[in-house]
Amino acid sequence: MKKKQTLSVEIEKTIRLLIITLGIIITTLLIVFLVQTNQKAQQGYKLEQVRIQNEELKNLTQRLKAKVTDASTAETFKESQKLDQMEKPEHESEEYLLPEDNN
């Protein structure tokens, strides 16, 4: 049989158990909070890196488009050495597709 204990002893045991339980709950919540905060910080860092890379790629795309536009202008094509290297056709004719266009 259990010995009967006084009310003050029961209260002290209950308070100790409550303090231990609250300590465990607070510690667990603190660990969960720190882990989530760390993960969010890592995701924020990755997001910032991807944003910077995206900006760099946009700048590269604009530079490449500018180069393509510059290279495809008529003046650049006329100044190109490849145009000078092209051979003229053997039979230059002034005939067009339709006979009435030759008049």
Protein backbone atom coordinates (compact mmCIF):
# COMPACT_ATOMS: atom_id res chain seq x y z
CA MET A 1 0.00 0.00 0.00
CA LYS A 2 1.01 3.52 -0.72
CA LYS A 3 1.76 5.82 2.08
CA LYS A 4 -0.47 8.79 2.23
CA GLN A 5 1.39 11.98 1.66
CA THR A 6 0.55 15.42 2.76
CA LEU A 7 -1.01 17.89 0.40
CA SER A 8 2.09 20.10 0.36
CA VAL A 9 4.27 17.17 -0.81
CA GLU A 10 1.78 16.35 -3.59
CA ILE A 11 1.74 20.01 -4.63
CA GLU A 12 5.54 20.15 -4.73
CA LYS A 13 5.72 17.00 -6.90
CA THR A 14 3.07 18.38 -9.23
CA ILE A 15 4.87 21.72 -9.51
CA ARG A 16 8.18 19.94 -10.27
CA LEU A 17 6.52 17.85 -12.99
CA LEU A 18 4.88 20.98 -14.41
CA ILE A 19 8.21 22.84 -14.50
CA ILE A 20 9.96 19.86 -16.16
CA THR A 21 7.13 19.51 -18.71
CA LEU A 22 7.14 23.24 -19.48
CA GLY A 23 10.94 23.19 -19.80
CA ILE A 24 10.78 20.31 -22.28
CA ILE A 25 8.01 22.03 -24.29
CA ILE A 26 9.88 25.36 -24.37
CA THR A 27 13.14 23.65 -25.38
CA THR A 28 11.41 21.70 -28.14
CA LEU A 29 9.66 24.80 -29.46
CA LEU A 30 12.92 26.75 -29.36
CA ILE A 31 14.71 24.06 -31.37
CA VAL A 32 11.87 23.94 -33.93
CA PHE A 33 11.91 27.75 -34.20
CA LEU A 34 15.67 27.86 -34.74
CA VAL A 35 15.56 25.11 -37.38
CA GLN A 36 12.76 26.84 -39.31
CA THR A 37 14.48 30.23 -39.08
CA ASN A 38 17.69 28.68 -40.39
CA GLN A 39 15.84 27.04 -43.30
CA LYS A 40 14.11 30.30 -44.20
CA ALA A 41 17.44 32.12 -44.13
CA GLN A 42 18.94 29.52 -46.45
CA GLN A 43 15.99 29.78 -48.82
CA GLY A 44 16.26 33.57 -48.78
CA TYR A 45 19.95 33.35 -49.62
CA LYS A 46 19.28 30.92 -52.48
CA LEU A 47 16.48 33.14 -53.76
CA GLU A 48 18.78 36.16 -53.74
CA GLN A 49 21.47 34.22 -55.62
CA VAL A 50 18.95 33.09 -58.25
CA ARG A 51 17.66 36.67 -58.57
CA ILE A 52 21.20 37.95 -59.16
CA GLN A 53 21.85 35.20 -61.72
CA ASN A 54 18.55 36.07 -63.44
CA GLU A 55 19.59 39.73 -63.70
CA GLU A 56 22.97 38.74 -65.13
CA LEU A 57 21.30 36.52 -67.72
CA LYS A 58 18.90 39.31 -68.68
CA ASN A 59 21.84 41.66 -69.17
CA LEU A 60 23.63 39.03 -71.26
CA THR A 61 20.48 38.55 -73.36
CA GLN A 62 20.23 42.28 -73.99
CA ARG A 63 23.88 42.48 -75.00
CA LEU A 64 23.48 39.52 -77.37
CA LYS A 65 20.34 41.03 -78.91
CA ALA A 66 22.22 44.28 -79.42
CA LYS A 67 25.05 42.41 -81.13
CA VAL A 68 22.61 40.55 -83.39
CA THR A 69 20.84 43.77 -84.28
CA ASP A 70 24.15 45.50 -85.00
CA ALA A 71 25.40 42.59 -87.08
CA SER A 72 22.22 42.39 -89.12
CA THR A 73 22.08 46.01 -90.19
CA ALA A 74 22.51 46.70 -93.89
CA GLU A 75 25.55 48.91 -93.40
CA THR A 76 27.37 46.25 -91.45
CA PHE A 77 26.48 43.68 -94.09
CA LYS A 78 27.76 45.95 -96.86
CA GLU A 79 30.98 46.57 -94.97
CA SER A 80 31.44 42.89 -94.31
CA GLN A 81 34.38 41.18 -95.96
CA LYS A 82 32.21 38.21 -96.78
CA LEU A 83 30.26 40.33 -99.24
CA ASP A 84 33.48 41.10 -101.08
CA GLN A 85 34.40 37.42 -101.11
CA MET A 86 31.15 36.42 -102.80
CA GLU A 87 31.35 35.61 -106.47
CA LYS A 88 29.15 37.29 -109.03
CA PRO A 89 26.85 35.05 -111.05
CA GLU A 90 28.21 33.82 -114.39
CA HIS A 91 25.24 34.89 -116.47
CA GLU A 92 23.88 38.18 -115.42
CA SER A 93 20.57 38.46 -117.13
CA GLU A 94 18.01 41.14 -116.92
CA GLU A 95 15.21 38.74 -117.56
CA TYR A 96 12.48 38.63 -115.01
CA LEU A 97 10.03 35.93 -114.21
CA LEU A 98 7.34 37.17 -116.57
CA PRO A 99 7.90 38.24 -120.19
CA GLU A 100 5.82 41.40 -119.76
CA ASP A 101 8.23 42.51 -117.02
CA ASN A 102 11.08 42.68 -119.58
CA ASN A 103 9.58 45.62 -121.45
